[in-house]
N, C-alpha and C. Protein backbone atom coordinates (compact mmCIF):
# COMPACT_ATOMS: atom_id res chain seq x y z
N VAL A 1 -24.05 17.49 -9.80
CA VAL A 1 -23.24 16.92 -10.96
C VAL A 1 -22.98 15.27 -10.14
N THR A 2 -23.25 14.25 -11.07
CA THR A 2 -23.24 12.92 -10.58
C THR A 2 -21.84 12.49 -11.29
N LEU A 3 -21.01 11.66 -10.71
CA LEU A 3 -19.81 11.28 -11.16
C LEU A 3 -19.96 9.71 -11.51
N VAL A 4 -19.39 9.48 -12.63
CA VAL A 4 -19.22 7.79 -12.96
C VAL A 4 -18.09 7.55 -12.87
N PRO A 5 -17.98 6.08 -13.03
CA PRO A 5 -16.81 5.19 -12.96
C PRO A 5 -16.15 5.68 -14.08
N PHE A 6 -14.77 5.86 -13.88
CA PHE A 6 -13.90 6.33 -14.75
C PHE A 6 -12.96 4.66 -15.19
N ASN A 7 -13.34 4.29 -16.62
CA ASN A 7 -12.70 3.11 -16.95
C ASN A 7 -11.79 3.36 -18.18
N ASN A 8 -10.31 2.84 -18.15
CA ASN A 8 -9.58 3.57 -19.01
C ASN A 8 -8.44 2.07 -19.20
N SER A 9 -7.98 2.45 -20.33
CA SER A 9 -6.59 1.47 -20.86
C SER A 9 -5.74 1.98 -21.26
N SER A 10 -5.88 3.49 -21.84
CA SER A 10 -4.78 4.37 -22.32
C SER A 10 -4.19 5.34 -21.19
N ALA A 11 -3.31 5.86 -21.47
CA ALA A 11 -2.53 6.69 -20.77
C ALA A 11 -3.14 7.97 -20.34
N VAL A 12 -3.29 8.41 -18.86
CA VAL A 12 -3.91 9.75 -18.57
C VAL A 12 -2.87 10.18 -18.08
N ASN A 13 -2.77 11.71 -18.54
CA ASN A 13 -1.67 12.70 -18.07
C ASN A 13 -2.25 13.81 -17.40
N VAL A 14 -2.11 14.31 -16.19
CA VAL A 14 -2.47 15.25 -15.27
C VAL A 14 -1.59 16.12 -15.14
N ASN A 15 -1.55 17.41 -15.95
CA ASN A 15 -0.62 18.15 -16.25
C ASN A 15 -0.89 19.58 -15.54
N GLU A 16 -2.02 19.74 -14.85
CA GLU A 16 -2.14 20.88 -14.24
C GLU A 16 -3.39 20.65 -13.22
N GLY A 17 -3.51 21.59 -11.99
CA GLY A 17 -4.78 21.45 -11.27
C GLY A 17 -4.98 20.15 -10.90
N ILE A 18 -6.66 19.88 -10.71
CA ILE A 18 -6.82 18.56 -10.03
C ILE A 18 -7.80 17.77 -10.92
N LEU A 19 -7.67 16.28 -11.20
CA LEU A 19 -8.49 15.54 -11.88
C LEU A 19 -9.08 14.82 -10.70
N SER A 20 -10.41 14.55 -10.68
CA SER A 20 -11.14 13.84 -9.65
C SER A 20 -12.02 12.76 -10.29
N LEU A 21 -11.55 11.48 -9.63
CA LEU A 21 -12.31 10.58 -10.30
C LEU A 21 -13.18 9.42 -9.13
N ASN A 22 -14.20 8.94 -9.81
CA ASN A 22 -14.88 8.21 -8.70
C ASN A 22 -14.74 6.78 -9.05
N GLY A 23 -13.99 5.86 -8.89
CA GLY A 23 -13.81 4.63 -9.22
C GLY A 23 -13.95 4.18 -10.58
N GLY A 24 -13.72 3.08 -10.85
CA GLY A 24 -13.48 2.37 -12.43
C GLY A 24 -12.51 1.42 -12.54
N THR A 25 -12.29 0.74 -13.79
CA THR A 25 -11.57 -0.19 -13.80
C THR A 25 -10.25 0.36 -14.71
N ASN A 26 -9.10 0.06 -14.44
CA ASN A 26 -7.89 1.04 -15.07
C ASN A 26 -6.81 -0.33 -15.44
N SER A 27 -6.40 -0.05 -16.64
CA SER A 27 -5.23 -0.91 -17.08
C SER A 27 -4.22 0.09 -17.74
N GLY A 28 -4.27 1.33 -17.83
CA GLY A 28 -3.11 2.00 -18.42
C GLY A 28 -2.35 2.87 -17.59
N PRO A 29 -1.50 3.71 -17.83
CA PRO A 29 -0.49 4.42 -17.16
C PRO A 29 -1.33 5.73 -16.70
N PHE A 30 -0.81 6.20 -15.54
CA PHE A 30 -1.34 7.95 -15.08
C PHE A 30 -0.15 8.22 -14.60
N ARG A 31 -0.12 9.75 -14.96
CA ARG A 31 1.31 10.23 -15.02
C ARG A 31 0.62 11.91 -14.57
N VAL A 32 1.03 12.16 -13.34
CA VAL A 32 0.80 13.46 -12.46
C VAL A 32 1.95 14.41 -12.58
N GLU A 33 2.15 15.43 -12.81
CA GLU A 33 3.23 16.26 -13.06
C GLU A 33 3.23 17.14 -11.70
N ALA A 34 4.18 17.67 -11.37
CA ALA A 34 4.43 18.68 -10.52
C ALA A 34 3.51 19.59 -10.27
N GLY A 35 2.74 19.91 -9.09
CA GLY A 35 1.72 20.87 -8.94
C GLY A 35 0.38 20.25 -9.12
N ALA A 36 0.53 19.09 -9.90
CA ALA A 36 -1.04 18.49 -10.24
C ALA A 36 -1.47 17.48 -9.29
N THR A 37 -2.72 17.31 -9.29
CA THR A 37 -3.28 16.21 -8.31
C THR A 37 -4.42 15.20 -9.14
N LEU A 38 -4.19 13.72 -8.93
CA LEU A 38 -5.10 13.01 -9.32
C LEU A 38 -5.78 12.66 -7.79
N ARG A 39 -6.88 13.00 -7.62
CA ARG A 39 -7.83 12.62 -6.53
C ARG A 39 -8.73 11.42 -6.64
N LEU A 40 -8.70 10.06 -6.27
CA LEU A 40 -9.56 9.58 -6.29
C LEU A 40 -10.58 9.72 -4.96
N ASN A 41 -11.89 9.97 -5.44
CA ASN A 41 -12.84 10.40 -4.57
C ASN A 41 -13.78 9.47 -3.64
N GLY A 42 -13.68 8.39 -4.22
CA GLY A 42 -14.64 7.16 -3.46
C GLY A 42 -14.96 6.40 -4.53
N GLY A 43 -15.46 5.19 -4.12
CA GLY A 43 -15.76 4.10 -5.15
C GLY A 43 -14.45 3.00 -5.04
N THR A 44 -14.61 2.32 -6.17
CA THR A 44 -13.78 1.12 -6.33
C THR A 44 -12.89 1.15 -7.56
N TYR A 45 -11.61 1.15 -7.50
CA TYR A 45 -10.83 1.24 -8.33
C TYR A 45 -10.18 0.17 -8.71
N SER A 46 -10.41 -0.64 -9.60
CA SER A 46 -9.80 -2.07 -9.93
C SER A 46 -8.71 -1.71 -10.96
N LEU A 47 -7.44 -1.76 -10.32
CA LEU A 47 -6.31 -1.73 -10.78
C LEU A 47 -5.50 -2.93 -11.57
N LEU A 48 -5.79 -3.21 -12.91
CA LEU A 48 -4.94 -4.27 -13.39
C LEU A 48 -3.59 -4.38 -14.21
N PRO A 49 -3.18 -5.51 -14.22
CA PRO A 49 -2.16 -5.34 -15.25
C PRO A 49 -1.98 -4.23 -16.21
N GLY A 50 -0.63 -3.89 -16.08
CA GLY A 50 -0.63 -2.52 -16.95
C GLY A 50 -1.11 -1.25 -16.84
N VAL A 51 -1.63 -1.16 -15.63
CA VAL A 51 -1.75 0.31 -14.95
C VAL A 51 -0.33 0.57 -14.39
N ALA A 52 -0.08 1.79 -14.37
CA ALA A 52 1.13 2.59 -13.84
C ALA A 52 0.83 3.81 -13.27
N PHE A 53 1.72 4.02 -12.25
CA PHE A 53 1.71 5.66 -11.71
C PHE A 53 2.64 6.29 -11.78
N GLY A 54 3.29 7.56 -12.17
CA GLY A 54 4.41 7.87 -12.60
C GLY A 54 4.13 9.51 -12.65
N GLY A 55 5.61 10.33 -12.37
CA GLY A 55 5.21 11.85 -12.14
C GLY A 55 5.88 12.32 -10.77
N PRO A 56 6.31 13.36 -10.83
CA PRO A 56 6.39 13.97 -9.55
C PRO A 56 5.37 14.64 -8.53
N GLY A 57 4.06 14.45 -9.14
CA GLY A 57 2.60 15.06 -8.38
C GLY A 57 2.32 14.67 -7.20
N THR A 58 0.82 14.67 -6.76
CA THR A 58 0.22 14.09 -6.00
C THR A 58 -1.21 13.32 -6.37
N LEU A 59 -1.10 12.02 -5.60
CA LEU A 59 -2.29 11.26 -5.71
C LEU A 59 -2.98 11.05 -4.24
N GLN A 60 -4.06 11.62 -4.21
CA GLN A 60 -5.05 11.80 -3.04
C GLN A 60 -5.78 10.56 -2.89
N ILE A 61 -5.83 9.29 -2.13
CA ILE A 61 -6.46 8.51 -2.10
C ILE A 61 -7.51 8.67 -0.94
N GLN A 62 -8.63 8.95 -1.13
CA GLN A 62 -9.60 10.03 -0.44
C GLN A 62 -10.86 9.01 0.62
N SER A 63 -11.43 9.29 1.30
CA SER A 63 -12.47 8.53 1.95
C SER A 63 -13.52 7.93 1.24
N ASN A 64 -13.56 6.67 1.50
CA ASN A 64 -14.25 5.62 1.00
C ASN A 64 -13.97 5.04 -0.60
N SER A 65 -12.69 5.37 -0.52
CA SER A 65 -11.97 4.71 -1.79
C SER A 65 -11.54 3.32 -1.59
N ARG A 66 -11.57 2.21 -2.53
CA ARG A 66 -10.82 1.03 -2.34
C ARG A 66 -10.24 0.76 -3.55
N LEU A 67 -9.03 0.51 -3.44
CA LEU A 67 -8.24 0.09 -4.15
C LEU A 67 -8.20 -1.61 -4.42
N ALA A 68 -8.53 -1.97 -5.70
CA ALA A 68 -8.70 -3.43 -5.80
C ALA A 68 -7.54 -3.93 -6.50
N LEU A 69 -6.68 -4.15 -6.10
CA LEU A 69 -5.19 -4.63 -6.76
C LEU A 69 -5.55 -6.02 -7.35
N ALA A 70 -4.98 -6.03 -8.98
CA ALA A 70 -4.70 -7.40 -9.29
C ALA A 70 -3.17 -7.28 -9.99
N THR A 71 -2.64 -6.58 -9.37
CA THR A 71 -1.04 -6.58 -10.03
C THR A 71 -0.39 -5.52 -9.03
N ASP A 72 1.01 -5.91 -8.90
CA ASP A 72 1.94 -4.94 -8.16
C ASP A 72 1.66 -3.85 -8.75
N LEU A 73 2.05 -2.97 -7.71
CA LEU A 73 1.82 -1.08 -7.72
C LEU A 73 2.92 -0.38 -7.30
N ASN A 74 3.56 0.29 -8.37
CA ASN A 74 4.91 0.98 -7.91
C ASN A 74 4.32 2.31 -8.33
N PHE A 75 4.53 3.56 -7.34
CA PHE A 75 3.83 4.73 -7.19
C PHE A 75 5.05 5.78 -8.05
N GLY A 76 6.52 5.16 -7.92
CA GLY A 76 7.55 5.87 -8.40
C GLY A 76 7.85 7.16 -7.63
N THR A 77 7.78 8.30 -8.04
CA THR A 77 8.12 9.47 -7.02
C THR A 77 6.91 10.03 -6.79
N LEU A 78 5.62 9.73 -6.90
CA LEU A 78 4.38 10.71 -6.56
C LEU A 78 4.43 10.85 -5.01
N ASN A 79 4.01 11.93 -4.69
CA ASN A 79 3.54 12.14 -3.47
C ASN A 79 1.97 11.23 -3.11
N VAL A 80 1.80 10.18 -2.38
CA VAL A 80 0.74 9.31 -2.47
C VAL A 80 0.30 9.53 -1.01
N LEU A 81 -0.90 10.04 -0.96
CA LEU A 81 -1.88 10.34 0.77
C LEU A 81 -2.89 9.71 0.31
N PHE A 82 -2.74 8.32 1.75
CA PHE A 82 -4.25 7.61 1.80
C PHE A 82 -4.66 8.50 2.95
N GLU A 83 -5.78 9.02 2.89
CA GLU A 83 -6.98 10.18 3.25
C GLU A 83 -8.16 9.41 4.03
N GLY A 84 -9.03 9.79 4.98
CA GLY A 84 -10.28 9.33 5.35
C GLY A 84 -9.85 7.89 5.52
N PHE A 85 -11.08 7.23 5.32
CA PHE A 85 -11.19 5.85 5.30
C PHE A 85 -11.06 5.23 4.13
N SER A 86 -10.05 4.78 3.41
CA SER A 86 -9.52 3.98 2.49
C SER A 86 -9.25 2.47 2.62
N THR A 87 -9.49 1.82 1.75
CA THR A 87 -8.92 0.32 1.89
C THR A 87 -8.41 -0.21 0.53
N VAL A 88 -7.70 -1.00 0.73
CA VAL A 88 -6.61 -1.97 -0.33
C VAL A 88 -7.16 -3.26 -0.21
N THR A 89 -7.26 -3.75 -1.27
CA THR A 89 -7.56 -5.26 -1.55
C THR A 89 -6.77 -6.19 -2.49
N GLY A 90 -6.53 -6.98 -2.43
CA GLY A 90 -5.30 -7.97 -3.40
C GLY A 90 -4.15 -8.03 -2.75
N PRO A 91 -3.58 -9.35 -2.55
CA PRO A 91 -2.10 -9.40 -2.17
C PRO A 91 -1.06 -9.07 -2.84
N PHE A 92 -1.13 -7.89 -3.26
CA PHE A 92 0.24 -7.34 -4.25
C PHE A 92 0.59 -6.63 -3.60
N LYS A 93 2.32 -6.22 -4.21
CA LYS A 93 3.24 -5.53 -3.58
C LYS A 93 2.84 -3.77 -3.83
N LEU A 94 2.79 -2.99 -3.21
CA LEU A 94 2.73 -1.55 -3.43
C LEU A 94 4.35 -1.08 -3.14
N SER A 95 4.98 -0.16 -3.92
CA SER A 95 6.25 0.30 -3.72
C SER A 95 6.33 2.07 -4.22
N ASN A 96 7.31 2.32 -3.86
CA ASN A 96 7.68 3.57 -4.31
C ASN A 96 9.29 3.65 -4.38
N SER A 97 9.52 4.96 -5.26
CA SER A 97 11.20 5.06 -5.66
C SER A 97 11.71 6.06 -4.80
N ALA A 98 13.16 6.14 -4.65
CA ALA A 98 13.87 7.45 -4.17
C ALA A 98 13.00 8.81 -4.64
N GLY A 99 12.54 9.58 -3.95
CA GLY A 99 11.82 11.00 -4.07
C GLY A 99 10.44 10.58 -4.10
N GLY A 100 9.94 9.47 -3.89
CA GLY A 100 8.42 9.41 -3.67
C GLY A 100 8.07 9.39 -2.29
N ALA A 101 6.93 9.55 -2.08
CA ALA A 101 6.28 9.12 -0.52
C ALA A 101 4.79 8.68 -0.47
N ILE A 102 4.67 7.97 0.42
CA ILE A 102 3.64 7.12 0.88
C ILE A 102 3.38 7.63 2.18
N THR A 103 2.28 8.33 2.35
CA THR A 103 1.46 8.81 3.84
C THR A 103 0.32 8.35 4.05
N PHE A 104 0.25 7.83 4.96
CA PHE A 104 -0.90 7.27 5.80
C PHE A 104 -1.46 8.13 6.81
N ASN A 105 -2.57 8.82 6.50
CA ASN A 105 -3.39 9.78 7.17
C ASN A 105 -4.88 9.11 7.65
N THR A 106 -4.80 7.78 7.86
CA THR A 106 -5.64 7.21 8.09
C THR A 106 -5.33 5.73 8.36
N ALA A 107 -6.05 5.24 9.24
CA ALA A 107 -5.86 3.62 9.81
C ALA A 107 -5.90 2.84 8.39
N VAL A 108 -5.07 1.76 7.92
CA VAL A 108 -5.01 1.07 6.59
C VAL A 108 -4.84 -0.36 7.08
N THR A 109 -5.18 -1.50 6.21
CA THR A 109 -4.79 -2.90 6.23
C THR A 109 -4.19 -2.85 5.06
N ILE A 110 -2.90 -3.00 4.79
CA ILE A 110 -2.28 -3.37 3.41
C ILE A 110 -2.22 -5.03 3.28
N PRO A 111 -3.00 -5.61 2.62
CA PRO A 111 -2.95 -7.18 2.08
C PRO A 111 -1.77 -8.07 1.86
N GLY A 112 -0.79 -7.41 0.97
CA GLY A 112 0.52 -7.56 0.46
C GLY A 112 1.65 -6.99 1.14
N SER A 113 2.73 -6.73 0.48
CA SER A 113 3.93 -6.35 0.85
C SER A 113 4.07 -4.95 0.79
N LEU A 114 5.04 -4.27 1.34
CA LEU A 114 5.32 -2.35 0.83
C LEU A 114 6.98 -2.67 0.83
N GLU A 115 7.39 -2.04 -0.46
CA GLU A 115 8.54 -1.99 -0.77
C GLU A 115 9.07 -0.56 -0.65
N ILE A 116 9.59 0.07 0.09
CA ILE A 116 9.83 1.39 0.20
C ILE A 116 11.25 2.02 -0.54
N GLY A 117 11.41 2.92 -1.32
CA GLY A 117 12.72 3.32 -1.89
C GLY A 117 12.70 4.86 -1.54
N GLY A 118 11.50 5.38 -1.28
CA GLY A 118 11.58 6.79 -0.85
C GLY A 118 11.25 6.98 0.68
N THR A 119 10.18 7.42 1.06
CA THR A 119 9.59 7.83 2.25
C THR A 119 8.17 6.98 2.52
N LEU A 120 8.09 6.53 3.84
CA LEU A 120 6.72 5.98 4.48
C LEU A 120 6.46 6.85 5.45
N ALA A 121 5.48 7.42 5.75
CA ALA A 121 4.92 8.23 6.73
C ALA A 121 3.59 7.94 7.33
N ILE A 122 3.69 7.59 8.71
CA ILE A 122 2.52 7.76 9.45
C ILE A 122 2.66 8.93 10.48
N PRO A 123 2.30 10.00 10.03
CA PRO A 123 2.54 11.26 11.06
C PRO A 123 1.30 11.29 12.07
N ALA A 124 0.57 10.51 12.12
CA ALA A 124 -0.23 10.80 13.77
C ALA A 124 -0.24 9.65 14.79
N THR A 125 -0.18 9.89 16.39
CA THR A 125 0.23 8.75 16.97
C THR A 125 -0.79 7.85 17.07
N ASN A 126 -1.99 8.61 16.77
CA ASN A 126 -2.97 7.85 16.91
C ASN A 126 -3.60 6.83 16.21
N LEU A 127 -2.77 6.70 14.98
CA LEU A 127 -2.92 5.67 13.62
C LEU A 127 -2.09 4.43 13.78
N THR A 128 -3.10 3.38 13.43
CA THR A 128 -2.49 1.81 13.25
C THR A 128 -2.34 1.45 11.74
N VAL A 129 -1.30 1.16 11.31
CA VAL A 129 -1.34 0.81 9.96
C VAL A 129 -0.95 -0.91 9.98
N GLN A 130 -1.59 -1.56 9.41
CA GLN A 130 -1.23 -3.36 9.15
C GLN A 130 -0.88 -3.27 7.86
N ILE A 131 0.55 -4.30 7.59
CA ILE A 131 1.05 -4.45 6.37
C ILE A 131 1.31 -5.93 6.77
N ASN A 132 0.36 -6.93 6.15
CA ASN A 132 0.31 -8.35 6.04
C ASN A 132 1.32 -9.11 5.53
N GLY A 133 2.04 -8.54 4.59
CA GLY A 133 3.18 -9.23 3.98
C GLY A 133 4.33 -8.44 4.57
N THR A 134 5.44 -8.45 3.87
CA THR A 134 6.75 -7.68 4.24
C THR A 134 6.89 -6.06 3.79
N LEU A 135 7.59 -5.56 5.16
CA LEU A 135 7.77 -4.07 4.74
C LEU A 135 9.43 -4.13 4.35
N THR A 136 9.89 -3.86 3.30
CA THR A 136 11.08 -3.70 2.86
C THR A 136 11.61 -1.88 2.86
N LEU A 137 12.72 -1.76 3.48
CA LEU A 137 13.21 -0.53 3.29
C LEU A 137 14.46 -0.81 2.33
N ALA A 138 14.84 0.11 1.28
CA ALA A 138 15.94 0.34 0.55
C ALA A 138 16.90 1.50 1.24
N PRO A 139 18.07 1.09 0.94
CA PRO A 139 19.29 2.13 1.40
C PRO A 139 18.63 3.54 1.43
N SER A 140 17.78 3.90 0.22
CA SER A 140 17.36 5.39 0.00
C SER A 140 16.24 5.60 0.78
N ALA A 141 15.55 4.81 1.81
CA ALA A 141 14.18 4.81 2.36
C ALA A 141 14.56 5.53 3.66
N THR A 142 13.31 6.22 3.93
CA THR A 142 13.08 6.83 5.44
C THR A 142 11.79 6.06 5.72
N LEU A 143 11.66 5.43 6.85
CA LEU A 143 10.38 5.41 7.47
C LEU A 143 9.95 6.54 8.61
N ASN A 144 8.97 7.14 8.41
CA ASN A 144 9.10 8.45 9.69
C ASN A 144 7.69 8.22 10.23
N ASN A 145 7.66 7.43 11.47
CA ASN A 145 6.63 6.72 11.91
C ASN A 145 6.45 7.39 13.55
N ALA A 146 5.18 8.05 13.54
CA ALA A 146 4.83 8.63 14.98
C ALA A 146 3.78 7.66 15.39
N GLY A 147 3.13 6.88 14.64
CA GLY A 147 2.31 5.87 15.19
C GLY A 147 2.52 4.60 15.30
N THR A 148 1.56 3.57 15.21
CA THR A 148 1.74 2.21 15.11
C THR A 148 2.09 1.36 13.63
N LEU A 149 2.91 1.00 13.59
CA LEU A 149 3.36 0.07 12.08
C LEU A 149 3.10 -1.24 12.53
N ARG A 150 2.13 -2.12 12.24
CA ARG A 150 2.19 -3.56 12.01
C ARG A 150 2.65 -4.25 11.01
N VAL A 151 3.77 -5.27 10.92
CA VAL A 151 4.29 -6.09 9.63
C VAL A 151 4.16 -7.44 10.03
N GLY A 152 3.92 -8.42 8.81
CA GLY A 152 4.34 -9.73 8.96
C GLY A 152 5.59 -9.82 8.93
N ALA A 153 6.56 -9.24 8.17
CA ALA A 153 8.17 -9.31 8.34
C ALA A 153 8.49 -8.05 8.07
N PHE A 154 9.64 -7.74 8.25
CA PHE A 154 10.40 -6.45 8.01
C PHE A 154 12.10 -7.14 7.65
N GLN A 155 12.33 -5.87 6.65
CA GLN A 155 13.51 -6.11 5.92
C GLN A 155 14.12 -4.70 6.19
N ASN A 156 15.09 -4.30 6.74
CA ASN A 156 15.79 -3.07 6.50
C ASN A 156 17.30 -3.49 5.87
N ASN A 157 17.16 -2.64 4.47
CA ASN A 157 18.49 -2.83 3.86
C ASN A 157 19.32 -1.80 3.97
N GLY A 158 19.13 -0.61 5.16
CA GLY A 158 20.22 0.33 5.25
C GLY A 158 19.00 1.57 5.39
N GLY A 159 17.64 1.27 5.36
CA GLY A 159 16.76 2.75 5.36
C GLY A 159 16.99 3.28 6.70
N THR A 160 16.39 4.18 6.94
CA THR A 160 16.58 5.40 8.21
C THR A 160 14.99 5.31 8.69
N ILE A 161 14.90 5.07 10.20
CA ILE A 161 13.81 4.63 10.88
C ILE A 161 13.70 6.02 11.63
N ILE A 162 12.71 6.97 11.61
CA ILE A 162 12.56 8.04 12.67
C ILE A 162 11.46 7.54 13.27
N GLY A 163 11.28 7.71 14.50
CA GLY A 163 10.16 7.43 15.49
C GLY A 163 10.05 6.04 15.70
N ASN A 164 8.90 5.67 15.60
CA ASN A 164 8.34 4.02 16.09
C ASN A 164 9.04 3.14 15.15
N ALA A 165 9.78 2.13 15.59
CA ALA A 165 10.21 0.96 14.55
C ALA A 165 8.70 0.11 14.38
N PRO A 166 8.80 -0.56 13.25
CA PRO A 166 7.70 -1.32 12.95
C PRO A 166 7.94 -2.60 13.89
N GLN A 167 6.24 -3.08 14.31
CA GLN A 167 6.25 -4.00 15.34
C GLN A 167 5.69 -5.49 14.19
N ILE A 168 6.75 -6.46 14.60
CA ILE A 168 6.53 -7.48 13.42
C ILE A 168 5.59 -8.64 14.23
N THR A 169 4.58 -9.08 13.57
CA THR A 169 3.35 -9.70 13.95
C THR A 169 3.65 -11.10 13.56
N GLY A 170 4.29 -11.12 12.47
CA GLY A 170 4.44 -12.59 11.72
C GLY A 170 3.36 -13.43 11.68
N LEU A 171 3.20 -14.81 12.04
CA LEU A 171 1.99 -15.39 12.03
C LEU A 171 0.86 -15.18 13.10
N ALA A 172 1.30 -14.27 14.07
CA ALA A 172 0.31 -14.13 15.26
C ALA A 172 -1.12 -13.34 14.58
N SER A 173 -1.07 -12.71 13.20
CA SER A 173 -1.96 -11.75 12.83
C SER A 173 -2.70 -12.85 11.74
N GLN A 174 -1.99 -13.99 11.18
CA GLN A 174 -2.48 -14.86 10.22
C GLN A 174 -3.08 -15.94 10.93
N SER A 175 -4.16 -16.66 10.17
CA SER A 175 -4.60 -18.16 10.75
C SER A 175 -3.56 -19.10 9.88
N ILE A 176 -3.70 -20.34 10.55
CA ILE A 176 -3.03 -21.33 10.08
C ILE A 176 -4.46 -22.31 9.76
N GLN A 177 -4.28 -23.22 8.79
CA GLN A 177 -5.12 -24.18 8.63
C GLN A 177 -4.33 -25.48 8.30
N ILE A 178 -4.49 -26.28 9.15
CA ILE A 178 -3.99 -27.94 9.13
C ILE A 178 -4.92 -28.93 8.54
N LEU A 179 -4.84 -29.20 7.24
CA LEU A 179 -5.63 -29.96 6.26
C LEU A 179 -5.73 -31.60 6.84
N SER A 180 -4.52 -31.81 7.45
CA SER A 180 -4.45 -33.52 7.97
C SER A 180 -3.71 -33.60 9.26
N LEU A 181 -4.14 -34.80 9.86
CA LEU A 181 -2.80 -34.71 11.02
C LEU A 181 -3.05 -36.30 11.18
N ALA A 182 -1.89 -36.85 11.34
CA ALA A 182 -1.84 -38.28 11.62
C ALA A 182 -0.72 -38.26 12.95
N LEU A 183 -1.63 -39.30 13.60
CA LEU A 183 -1.20 -39.71 14.83
C LEU A 183 -0.54 -41.11 15.07
N SER A 184 0.65 -41.48 15.46
CA SER A 184 1.19 -42.73 15.64
C SER A 184 1.17 -43.42 16.82
N PRO A 185 0.92 -44.63 17.33
CA PRO A 185 0.75 -44.91 18.47
C PRO A 185 1.99 -44.88 19.30
N ILE A 186 2.10 -44.63 20.52
CA ILE A 186 3.25 -44.41 21.07
C ILE A 186 3.90 -45.81 21.61
N ARG A 187 5.08 -46.24 21.35
CA ARG A 187 5.76 -47.61 21.80
C ARG A 187 6.31 -47.47 22.84
N ASP A 188 6.01 -48.52 23.70
CA ASP A 188 6.86 -48.60 25.37
C ASP A 188 7.99 -48.91 25.04
N GLN A 189 9.09 -48.26 25.28
CA GLN A 189 10.63 -48.61 24.99
C GLN A 189 11.22 -49.04 26.30
N SER A 190 10.53 -49.05 27.46
CA SER A 190 10.93 -49.93 28.50
C SER A 190 11.28 -51.04 28.60
N ALA A 191 10.24 -51.90 27.77
CA ALA A 191 10.16 -53.54 27.52
C ALA A 191 11.37 -54.08 26.90
């Protein structure tokens, strides 16, 4: 069986079972019902404005999957699992709502920010997750972190932290480019 990329601009509903995809360009909404799974098996998923994820089901982002974000992405109440080696590109915000969960079962770098209204979990002690932007926890949020979580900035609006607190890396993990520099002569003030 050869899997081809799935390009879509309409609504996709996963009502039961498992729908496995292999890359593609998407600008339409996905809804995954309870007990159903949307599995991103590998390939590049270009997620454009208009794409949305919803429902109480499961989204598995598996080995060799690449999320190429061109917009902010709210997973709502989905149970999102990053598994194997998966990557995210694009400096956009990922978020979830109360009742939703994002679990990193693999080391990953999120180039943008992460806004948690539900649960963020790093269950393994040997995993490192890097969020280059800001990690924001809503009052309803829970961070359950057994591993290492590095963030550019951290804002806790009343969420619960279980395990390790985030490590704020700030500008240390980013490069600074100086485009010009002007020096003035030093005047002797003793005369």
